[in-house]
């Protein structure tokens, strides 16, 4: 399920690599704990304090992080430039037009 969300249009070899990386990186129990911890992290109040230039690249049809949320976060960072990418993959591959 995770791979389908992160890489809906990935080539088979990339899907296999991502699945293996997930399997080697953590146990299913720890993966659930990580996702719960990530859901609790909120840095929105700190974004306006960023003082360096930021380039935010965001796939238009990302299933993991909604496009509107990426645009909203970038708009909150004073020196950010938002660049939409034509992709459904959360992680963009070198052979994609994006």
PDB file of N, CA and C in Angstrom:
ATOM      1  N   UNK A   1       0.828  -1.192   0.000  1.00  0.00           N
ATOM      2  CA  UNK A   1       0.000   0.000   0.000  1.00  0.00           C
ATOM      3  C   UNK A   1       0.876   1.262   0.000  1.00  0.00           C
ATOM      4  N   UNK A   2       1.897   1.279   0.828  1.00  0.00           N
ATOM      5  CA  UNK A   2       2.778   2.444   0.920  1.00  0.00           C
ATOM      6  C   UNK A   2       3.422   2.734  -0.435  1.00  0.00           C
ATOM      7  N   UNK A   3       3.904   1.702  -1.081  1.00  0.00           N
ATOM      8  CA  UNK A   3       4.562   1.882  -2.373  1.00  0.00           C
ATOM      9  C   UNK A   3       3.592   2.425  -3.411  1.00  0.00           C
ATOM     10  N   UNK A   4       2.372   1.952  -3.408  1.00  0.00           N
ATOM     11  CA  UNK A   4       1.369   2.428  -4.357  1.00  0.00           C
ATOM     12  C   UNK A   4       1.090   3.913  -4.173  1.00  0.00           C
ATOM     13  N   UNK A   5       1.087   4.386  -2.939  1.00  0.00           N
ATOM     14  CA  UNK A   5       0.868   5.807  -2.679  1.00  0.00           C
ATOM     15  C   UNK A   5       2.086   6.643  -3.088  1.00  0.00           C
ATOM     16  N   UNK A   6       3.281   6.182  -2.714  1.00  0.00           N
ATOM     17  CA  UNK A   6       4.489   6.950  -2.970  1.00  0.00           C
ATOM     18  C   UNK A   6       4.920   6.914  -4.434  1.00  0.00           C
ATOM     19  N   UNK A   7       4.705   5.785  -5.094  1.00  0.00           N
ATOM     20  CA  UNK A   7       5.248   5.592  -6.446  1.00  0.00           C
ATOM     21  C   UNK A   7       4.231   4.977  -7.411  1.00  0.00           C
ATOM     22  N   UNK A   8       3.103   5.619  -7.647  1.00  0.00           N
ATOM     23  CA  UNK A   8       2.079   5.005  -8.503  1.00  0.00           C
ATOM     24  C   UNK A   8       2.517   4.775  -9.948  1.00  0.00           C
ATOM     25  N   UNK A   9       3.453   5.568 -10.454  1.00  0.00           N
ATOM     26  CA  UNK A   9       3.874   5.434 -11.854  1.00  0.00           C
ATOM     27  C   UNK A   9       5.328   4.989 -11.996  1.00  0.00           C
ATOM     28  N   UNK A  10       5.890   4.435 -10.951  1.00  0.00           N
ATOM     29  CA  UNK A  10       7.300   4.040 -10.990  1.00  0.00           C
ATOM     30  C   UNK A  10       7.491   2.769 -11.816  1.00  0.00           C
ATOM     31  N   UNK A  11       8.660   2.666 -12.446  1.00  0.00           N
ATOM     32  CA  UNK A  11       8.991   1.418 -13.133  1.00  0.00           C
ATOM     33  C   UNK A  11       9.110   0.269 -12.117  1.00  0.00           C
ATOM     34  N   UNK A  12       8.893  -0.940 -12.571  1.00  0.00           N
ATOM     35  CA  UNK A  12       8.916  -2.119 -11.697  1.00  0.00           C
ATOM     36  C   UNK A  12      10.189  -2.213 -10.879  1.00  0.00           C
ATOM     37  N   UNK A  13      11.340  -1.932 -11.490  1.00  0.00           N
ATOM     38  CA  UNK A  13      12.598  -2.047 -10.751  1.00  0.00           C
ATOM     39  C   UNK A  13      12.684  -1.030  -9.606  1.00  0.00           C
ATOM     40  N   UNK A  14      12.103   0.148  -9.792  1.00  0.00           N
ATOM     41  CA  UNK A  14      12.091   1.145  -8.720  1.00  0.00           C
ATOM     42  C   UNK A  14      11.134   0.737  -7.607  1.00  0.00           C
ATOM     43  N   UNK A  15      10.025   0.152  -7.967  1.00  0.00           N
ATOM     44  CA  UNK A  15       9.073  -0.356  -6.972  1.00  0.00           C
ATOM     45  C   UNK A  15       9.730  -1.442  -6.139  1.00  0.00           C
ATOM     46  N   UNK A  16      10.434  -2.348  -6.810  1.00  0.00           N
ATOM     47  CA  UNK A  16      11.132  -3.423  -6.099  1.00  0.00           C
ATOM     48  C   UNK A  16      12.186  -2.856  -5.153  1.00  0.00           C
ATOM     49  N   UNK A  17      12.940  -1.863  -5.609  1.00  0.00           N
ATOM     50  CA  UNK A  17      13.961  -1.243  -4.759  1.00  0.00           C
ATOM     51  C   UNK A  17      13.337  -0.547  -3.550  1.00  0.00           C
ATOM     52  N   UNK A  18      12.247   0.161  -3.785  1.00  0.00           N
ATOM     53  CA  UNK A  18      11.576   0.865  -2.686  1.00  0.00           C
ATOM     54  C   UNK A  18      11.033  -0.132  -1.665  1.00  0.00           C
ATOM     55  N   UNK A  19      10.422  -1.205  -2.148  1.00  0.00           N
ATOM     56  CA  UNK A  19       9.907  -2.232  -1.237  1.00  0.00           C
ATOM     57  C   UNK A  19      11.029  -2.848  -0.407  1.00  0.00           C
ATOM     58  N   UNK A  20      12.162  -3.130  -1.048  1.00  0.00           N
ATOM     59  CA  UNK A  20      13.294  -3.706  -0.328  1.00  0.00           C
ATOM     60  C   UNK A  20      13.861  -2.713   0.691  1.00  0.00           C
ATOM     61  N   UNK A  21      13.937  -1.456   0.312  1.00  0.00           N
ATOM     62  CA  UNK A  21      14.405  -0.427   1.240  1.00  0.00           C
ATOM     63  C   UNK A  21      13.496  -0.353   2.462  1.00  0.00           C
ATOM     64  N   UNK A  22      12.201  -0.394   2.246  1.00  0.00           N
ATOM     65  CA  UNK A  22      11.259  -0.363   3.359  1.00  0.00           C
ATOM     66  C   UNK A  22      11.432  -1.584   4.254  1.00  0.00           C
ATOM     67  N   UNK A  23      11.608  -2.732   3.637  1.00  0.00           N
ATOM     68  CA  UNK A  23      11.763  -3.976   4.398  1.00  0.00           C
ATOM     69  C   UNK A  23      13.032  -3.955   5.244  1.00  0.00           C
ATOM     70  N   UNK A  24      14.126  -3.422   4.684  1.00  0.00           N
ATOM     71  CA  UNK A  24      15.406  -3.391   5.396  1.00  0.00           C
ATOM     72  C   UNK A  24      15.489  -2.262   6.426  1.00  0.00           C
ATOM     73  N   UNK A  25      14.739  -1.196   6.214  1.00  0.00           N
ATOM     74  CA  UNK A  25      14.855   0.003   7.044  1.00  0.00           C
ATOM     75  C   UNK A  25      14.243  -0.133   8.427  1.00  0.00           C
ATOM     76  N   UNK A  26      13.130  -0.837   8.514  1.00  0.00           N
ATOM     77  CA  UNK A  26      12.433  -0.899   9.799  1.00  0.00           C
ATOM     78  C   UNK A  26      11.447  -2.056   9.807  1.00  0.00           C
ATOM     79  N   UNK A  27      10.983  -2.378  10.986  1.00  0.00           N
ATOM     80  CA  UNK A  27       9.962  -3.424  11.120  1.00  0.00           C
ATOM     81  C   UNK A  27       8.593  -2.794  10.867  1.00  0.00           C
ATOM     82  N   UNK A  28       7.590  -3.602  10.574  1.00  0.00           N
ATOM     83  CA  UNK A  28       6.234  -3.055  10.399  1.00  0.00           C
ATOM     84  C   UNK A  28       5.751  -2.289  11.638  1.00  0.00           C
ATOM     85  N   UNK A  29       6.080  -2.796  12.825  1.00  0.00           N
ATOM     86  CA  UNK A  29       5.653  -2.130  14.063  1.00  0.00           C
ATOM     87  C   UNK A  29       6.305  -0.754  14.197  1.00  0.00           C
ATOM     88  N   UNK A  30       7.597  -0.691  13.898  1.00  0.00           N
ATOM     89  CA  UNK A  30       8.293   0.594  13.989  1.00  0.00           C
ATOM     90  C   UNK A  30       7.835   1.553  12.896  1.00  0.00           C
ATOM     91  N   UNK A  31       7.481   1.030  11.746  1.00  0.00           N
ATOM     92  CA  UNK A  31       6.969   1.888  10.675  1.00  0.00           C
ATOM     93  C   UNK A  31       5.679   2.565  11.104  1.00  0.00           C
ATOM     94  N   UNK A  32       4.819   1.843  11.783  1.00  0.00           N
ATOM     95  CA  UNK A  32       3.575   2.425  12.299  1.00  0.00           C
ATOM     96  C   UNK A  32       3.896   3.504  13.330  1.00  0.00           C
ATOM     97  N   UNK A  33       4.848   3.230  14.211  1.00  0.00           N
ATOM     98  CA  UNK A  33       5.240   4.225  15.224  1.00  0.00           C
ATOM     99  C   UNK A  33       5.831   5.468  14.570  1.00  0.00           C
ATOM    100  N   UNK A  34       6.637   5.278  13.518  1.00  0.00           N
ATOM    101  CA  UNK A  34       7.205   6.422  12.801  1.00  0.00           C
ATOM    102  C   UNK A  34       6.111   7.282  12.189  1.00  0.00           C
ATOM    103  N   UNK A  35       5.146   6.646  11.538  1.00  0.00           N
ATOM    104  CA  UNK A  35       4.060   7.398  10.919  1.00  0.00           C
ATOM    105  C   UNK A  35       3.264   8.168  11.967  1.00  0.00           C
ATOM    106  N   UNK A  36       3.058   7.573  13.111  1.00  0.00           N
ATOM    107  CA  UNK A  36       2.345   8.266  14.197  1.00  0.00           C
ATOM    108  C   UNK A  36       3.144   9.473  14.671  1.00  0.00           C
ATOM    109  N   UNK A  37       4.462   9.300  14.810  1.00  0.00           N
ATOM    110  CA  UNK A  37       5.319  10.411  15.246  1.00  0.00           C
ATOM    111  C   UNK A  37       5.322  11.523  14.204  1.00  0.00           C
ATOM    112  N   UNK A  38       5.424  11.173  12.925  1.00  0.00           N
ATOM    113  CA  UNK A  38       5.411  12.181  11.858  1.00  0.00           C
ATOM    114  C   UNK A  38       4.116  12.978  11.881  1.00  0.00           C
ATOM    115  N   UNK A  39       3.017  12.316  12.190  1.00  0.00           N
ATOM    116  CA  UNK A  39       1.717  12.988  12.220  1.00  0.00           C
ATOM    117  C   UNK A  39       1.632  14.027  13.334  1.00  0.00           C
ATOM    118  N   UNK A  40       2.471  13.887  14.349  1.00  0.00           N
ATOM    119  CA  UNK A  40       2.453  14.817  15.471  1.00  0.00           C
ATOM    120  C   UNK A  40       3.390  16.008  15.287  1.00  0.00           C
ATOM    121  N   UNK A  41       4.289  15.938  14.321  1.00  0.00           N
ATOM    122  CA  UNK A  41       5.246  17.030  14.105  1.00  0.00           C
ATOM    123  C   UNK A  41       4.543  18.183  13.412  1.00  0.00           C
ATOM    124  N   UNK A  42       4.665  19.365  13.984  1.00  0.00           N
ATOM    125  CA  UNK A  42       4.037  20.555  13.411  1.00  0.00           C
ATOM    126  C   UNK A  42       5.021  21.723  13.501  1.00  0.00           C
ATOM    127  N   UNK A  43       5.568  22.118  12.373  1.00  0.00           N
ATOM    128  CA  UNK A  43       6.553  23.209  12.346  1.00  0.00           C
ATOM    129  C   UNK A  43       5.991  24.461  11.675  1.00  0.00           C
ATOM    130  N   UNK A  44       4.684  24.505  11.479  1.00  0.00           N
ATOM    131  CA  UNK A  44       4.087  25.641  10.770  1.00  0.00           C
ATOM    132  C   UNK A  44       4.442  26.984  11.391  1.00  0.00           C
ATOM    133  N   UNK A  45       4.496  27.056  12.715  1.00  0.00           N
ATOM    134  CA  UNK A  45       4.799  28.323  13.362  1.00  0.00           C
ATOM    135  C   UNK A  45       6.260  28.742  13.167  1.00  0.00           C
ATOM    136  N   UNK A  46       7.094  27.853  12.688  1.00  0.00           N
ATOM    137  CA  UNK A  46       8.505  28.163  12.474  1.00  0.00           C
ATOM    138  C   UNK A  46       8.821  28.546  11.026  1.00  0.00           C
ATOM    139  N   UNK A  47       7.930  28.274  10.094  1.00  0.00           N
ATOM    140  CA  UNK A  47       8.210  28.495   8.671  1.00  0.00           C
ATOM    141  C   UNK A  47       8.479  29.957   8.342  1.00  0.00           C
ATOM    142  N   UNK A  48       7.771  30.863   8.970  1.00  0.00           N
ATOM    143  CA  UNK A  48       7.962  32.291   8.694  1.00  0.00           C
ATOM    144  C   UNK A  48       9.320  32.793   9.176  1.00  0.00           C
ATOM    145  N   UNK A  49      10.002  32.008   9.990  1.00  0.00           N
ATOM    146  CA  UNK A  49      11.306  32.399  10.527  1.00  0.00           C
ATOM    147  C   UNK A  49      12.476  31.941   9.643  1.00  0.00           C
ATOM    148  N   UNK A  50      12.194  31.170   8.612  1.00  0.00           N
ATOM    149  CA  UNK A  50      13.256  30.681   7.733  1.00  0.00           C
ATOM    150  C   UNK A  50      13.855  31.865   6.985  1.00  0.00           C
ATOM    151  N   UNK A  51      15.180  31.974   7.014  1.00  0.00           N
ATOM    152  CA  UNK A  51      15.855  33.140   6.433  1.00  0.00           C
ATOM    153  C   UNK A  51      16.717  32.805   5.218  1.00  0.00           C
ATOM    154  N   UNK A  52      16.614  31.615   4.696  1.00  0.00           N
ATOM    155  CA  UNK A  52      17.394  31.231   3.518  1.00  0.00           C
ATOM    156  C   UNK A  52      16.441  30.934   2.364  1.00  0.00           C
ATOM    157  N   UNK A  53      16.950  31.029   1.166  1.00  0.00           N
ATOM    158  CA  UNK A  53      16.129  30.727  -0.010  1.00  0.00           C
ATOM    159  C   UNK A  53      15.801  29.237  -0.032  1.00  0.00           C
ATOM    160  N   UNK A  54      14.568  28.939  -0.331  1.00  0.00           N
ATOM    161  CA  UNK A  54      14.084  27.560  -0.366  1.00  0.00           C
ATOM    162  C   UNK A  54      13.404  27.323  -1.705  1.00  0.00           C
ATOM    163  N   UNK A  55      13.734  26.207  -2.335  1.00  0.00           N
ATOM    164  CA  UNK A  55      13.057  25.789  -3.556  1.00  0.00           C
ATOM    165  C   UNK A  55      12.177  24.603  -3.194  1.00  0.00           C
ATOM    166  N   UNK A  56      10.876  24.785  -3.330  1.00  0.00           N
ATOM    167  CA  UNK A  56       9.919  23.737  -3.002  1.00  0.00           C
ATOM    168  C   UNK A  56       9.429  23.119  -4.303  1.00  0.00           C
ATOM    169  N   UNK A  57       9.771  21.858  -4.518  1.00  0.00           N
ATOM    170  CA  UNK A  57       9.327  21.109  -5.688  1.00  0.00           C
ATOM    171  C   UNK A  57       8.225  20.165  -5.230  1.00  0.00           C
ATOM    172  N   UNK A  58       7.085  20.211  -5.925  1.00  0.00           N
ATOM    173  CA  UNK A  58       5.957  19.395  -5.457  1.00  0.00           C
ATOM    174  C   UNK A  58       5.184  18.820  -6.644  1.00  0.00           C
ATOM    175  N   UNK A  59       5.031  17.495  -6.684  1.00  0.00           N
ATOM    176  CA  UNK A  59       4.236  16.878  -7.748  1.00  0.00           C
ATOM    177  C   UNK A  59       2.757  17.264  -7.656  1.00  0.00           C
ATOM    178  N   UNK A  60       2.172  17.595  -8.783  1.00  0.00           N
ATOM    179  CA  UNK A  60       0.761  18.015  -8.807  1.00  0.00           C
ATOM    180  C   UNK A  60      -0.203  16.952  -8.288  1.00  0.00           C
ATOM    181  N   UNK A  61       0.072  15.706  -8.604  1.00  0.00           N
ATOM    182  CA  UNK A  61      -0.862  14.635  -8.243  1.00  0.00           C
ATOM    183  C   UNK A  61      -0.282  13.696  -7.185  1.00  0.00           C
ATOM    184  N   UNK A  62       0.457  14.256  -6.257  1.00  0.00           N
ATOM    185  CA  UNK A  62       1.061  13.502  -5.157  1.00  0.00           C
ATOM    186  C   UNK A  62      -0.041  12.951  -4.259  1.00  0.00           C
ATOM    187  N   UNK A  63      -0.017  11.645  -3.998  1.00  0.00           N
ATOM    188  CA  UNK A  63      -1.021  11.020  -3.126  1.00  0.00           C
ATOM    189  C   UNK A  63      -0.621  11.066  -1.660  1.00  0.00           C
ATOM    190  N   UNK A  64       0.635  11.387  -1.378  1.00  0.00           N
ATOM    191  CA  UNK A  64       1.120  11.392  -0.003  1.00  0.00           C
ATOM    192  C   UNK A  64       0.909  12.759   0.645  1.00  0.00           C
ATOM    193  N   UNK A  65       1.329  13.810  -0.041  1.00  0.00           N
ATOM    194  CA  UNK A  65       1.162  15.178   0.459  1.00  0.00           C
ATOM    195  C   UNK A  65       0.351  15.945  -0.589  1.00  0.00           C
ATOM    196  N   UNK A  66      -0.840  16.397  -0.249  1.00  0.00           N
ATOM    197  CA  UNK A  66      -1.667  17.118  -1.228  1.00  0.00           C
ATOM    198  C   UNK A  66      -0.952  18.344  -1.803  1.00  0.00           C
ATOM    199  N   UNK A  67      -1.173  18.571  -3.093  1.00  0.00           N
ATOM    200  CA  UNK A  67      -0.543  19.688  -3.802  1.00  0.00           C
ATOM    201  C   UNK A  67      -0.834  21.025  -3.109  1.00  0.00           C
ATOM    202  N   UNK A  68      -2.073  21.232  -2.714  1.00  0.00           N
ATOM    203  CA  UNK A  68      -2.449  22.496  -2.058  1.00  0.00           C
ATOM    204  C   UNK A  68      -1.667  22.705  -0.767  1.00  0.00           C
ATOM    205  N   UNK A  69      -1.387  21.626  -0.053  1.00  0.00           N
ATOM    206  CA  UNK A  69      -0.632  21.735   1.185  1.00  0.00           C
ATOM    207  C   UNK A  69       0.816  22.134   0.898  1.00  0.00           C
ATOM    208  N   UNK A  70       1.418  21.576  -0.132  1.00  0.00           N
ATOM    209  CA  UNK A  70       2.771  21.972  -0.513  1.00  0.00           C
ATOM    210  C   UNK A  70       2.836  23.439  -0.891  1.00  0.00           C
ATOM    211  N   UNK A  71       1.870  23.879  -1.664  1.00  0.00           N
ATOM    212  CA  UNK A  71       1.819  25.290  -2.060  1.00  0.00           C
ATOM    213  C   UNK A  71       1.613  26.201  -0.845  1.00  0.00           C
ATOM    214  N   UNK A  72       0.739  25.781   0.051  1.00  0.00           N
ATOM    215  CA  UNK A  72       0.468  26.561   1.267  1.00  0.00           C
ATOM    216  C   UNK A  72       1.720  26.680   2.137  1.00  0.00           C
ATOM    217  N   UNK A  73       2.428  25.572   2.309  1.00  0.00           N
ATOM    218  CA  UNK A  73       3.651  25.613   3.127  1.00  0.00           C
ATOM    219  C   UNK A  73       4.696  26.523   2.489  1.00  0.00           C
ATOM    220  N   UNK A  74       4.867  26.430   1.184  1.00  0.00           N
ATOM    221  CA  UNK A  74       5.841  27.273   0.493  1.00  0.00           C
ATOM    222  C   UNK A  74       5.483  28.748   0.628  1.00  0.00           C
ATOM    223  N   UNK A  75       4.209  29.061   0.581  1.00  0.00           N
ATOM    224  CA  UNK A  75       3.769  30.461   0.689  1.00  0.00           C
ATOM    225  C   UNK A  75       4.059  31.038   2.070  1.00  0.00           C
ATOM    226  N   UNK A  76       4.203  30.190   3.054  1.00  0.00           N
ATOM    227  CA  UNK A  76       4.465  30.630   4.421  1.00  0.00           C
ATOM    228  C   UNK A  76       5.945  30.939   4.646  1.00  0.00           C
ATOM    229  N   UNK A  77       6.814  30.422   3.783  1.00  0.00           N
ATOM    230  CA  UNK A  77       8.258  30.635   3.923  1.00  0.00           C
ATOM    231  C   UNK A  77       8.627  31.880   3.115  1.00  0.00           C
ATOM    232  N   UNK A  78       9.183  32.897   3.755  1.00  0.00           N
ATOM    233  CA  UNK A  78       9.439  34.185   3.094  1.00  0.00           C
ATOM    234  C   UNK A  78      10.254  34.104   1.795  1.00  0.00           C
ATOM    235  N   UNK A  79      11.289  33.314   1.741  1.00  0.00           N
ATOM    236  CA  UNK A  79      12.165  33.272   0.564  1.00  0.00           C
ATOM    237  C   UNK A  79      11.965  32.017  -0.274  1.00  0.00           C
ATOM    238  N   UNK A  80      10.791  31.432  -0.229  1.00  0.00           N
ATOM    239  CA  UNK A  80      10.549  30.185  -0.951  1.00  0.00           C
ATOM    240  C   UNK A  80      10.032  30.442  -2.360  1.00  0.00           C
ATOM    241  N   UNK A  81      10.463  29.586  -3.266  1.00  0.00           N
ATOM    242  CA  UNK A  81       9.915  29.566  -4.622  1.00  0.00           C
ATOM    243  C   UNK A  81       9.252  28.207  -4.797  1.00  0.00           C
ATOM    244  N   UNK A  82       8.007  28.198  -5.206  1.00  0.00           N
ATOM    245  CA  UNK A  82       7.241  26.964  -5.386  1.00  0.00           C
ATOM    246  C   UNK A  82       7.258  26.567  -6.854  1.00  0.00           C
ATOM    247  N   UNK A  83       7.640  25.318  -7.130  1.00  0.00           N
ATOM    248  CA  UNK A  83       7.688  24.809  -8.498  1.00  0.00           C
ATOM    249  C   UNK A  83       6.822  23.548  -8.583  1.00  0.00           C
ATOM    250  N   UNK A  84       5.705  23.613  -9.311  1.00  0.00           N
ATOM    251  CA  UNK A  84       4.882  22.415  -9.483  1.00  0.00           C
ATOM    252  C   UNK A  84       5.540  21.462 -10.479  1.00  0.00           C
ATOM    253  N   UNK A  85       5.450  20.181 -10.188  1.00  0.00           N
ATOM    254  CA  UNK A  85       6.001  19.154 -11.066  1.00  0.00           C
ATOM    255  C   UNK A  85       4.869  18.311 -11.629  1.00  0.00           C
ATOM    256  N   UNK A  86       4.979  17.972 -12.883  1.00  0.00           N
ATOM    257  CA  UNK A  86       3.965  17.121 -13.525  1.00  0.00           C
ATOM    258  C   UNK A  86       4.306  15.665 -13.226  1.00  0.00           C
ATOM    259  N   UNK A  87       3.767  15.163 -12.132  1.00  0.00           N
ATOM    260  CA  UNK A  87       4.028  13.785 -11.724  1.00  0.00           C
ATOM    261  C   UNK A  87       2.987  13.357 -10.711  1.00  0.00           C
ATOM    262  N   UNK A  88       2.795  12.044 -10.618  1.00  0.00           N
ATOM    263  CA  UNK A  88       1.948  11.481  -9.567  1.00  0.00           C
ATOM    264  C   UNK A  88       2.812  10.876  -8.469  1.00  0.00           C
ATOM    265  N   UNK A  89       4.097  10.693  -8.754  1.00  0.00           N
ATOM    266  CA  UNK A  89       5.005  10.067  -7.796  1.00  0.00           C
ATOM    267  C   UNK A  89       5.428  11.059  -6.720  1.00  0.00           C
ATOM    268  N   UNK A  90       5.432  10.608  -5.477  1.00  0.00           N
ATOM    269  CA  UNK A  90       5.905  11.448  -4.374  1.00  0.00           C
ATOM    270  C   UNK A  90       7.405  11.672  -4.503  1.00  0.00           C
ATOM    271  N   UNK A  91       8.096  10.662  -4.984  1.00  0.00           N
ATOM    272  CA  UNK A  91       9.537  10.750  -5.248  1.00  0.00           C
ATOM    273  C   UNK A  91       9.708  10.710  -6.768  1.00  0.00           C
ATOM    274  N   UNK A  92      10.236  11.746  -7.334  1.00  0.00           N
ATOM    275  CA  UNK A  92      10.342  11.866  -8.794  1.00  0.00           C
ATOM    276  C   UNK A  92      11.596  11.145  -9.272  1.00  0.00           C
ATOM    277  N   UNK A  93      11.479  10.444 -10.380  1.00  0.00           N
ATOM    278  CA  UNK A  93      12.596   9.694 -10.946  1.00  0.00           C
ATOM    279  C   UNK A  93      13.248  10.455 -12.094  1.00  0.00           C
ATOM    280  N   UNK A  94      14.493  10.152 -12.346  1.00  0.00           N
ATOM    281  CA  UNK A  94      15.272  10.881 -13.348  1.00  0.00           C
ATOM    282  C   UNK A  94      14.708  10.756 -14.762  1.00  0.00           C
ATOM    283  N   UNK A  95      13.986   9.718 -15.066  1.00  0.00           N
ATOM    284  CA  UNK A  95      13.444   9.548 -16.424  1.00  0.00           C
ATOM    285  C   UNK A  95      12.079  10.198 -16.621  1.00  0.00           C
ATOM    286  N   UNK A  96      11.545  10.839 -15.591  1.00  0.00           N
ATOM    287  CA  UNK A  96      10.252  11.519 -15.702  1.00  0.00           C
ATOM    288  C   UNK A  96      10.447  12.913 -16.313  1.00  0.00           C
ATOM    289  N   UNK A  97       9.470  13.396 -17.052  1.00  0.00           N
ATOM    290  CA  UNK A  97       9.554  14.776 -17.567  1.00  0.00           C
ATOM    291  C   UNK A  97       9.708  15.801 -16.435  1.00  0.00           C
ATOM    292  N   UNK A  98       9.090  15.546 -15.289  1.00  0.00           N
ATOM    293  CA  UNK A  98       9.214  16.483 -14.161  1.00  0.00           C
ATOM    294  C   UNK A  98      10.660  16.622 -13.752  1.00  0.00           C
TER     295      UNK A  98
END
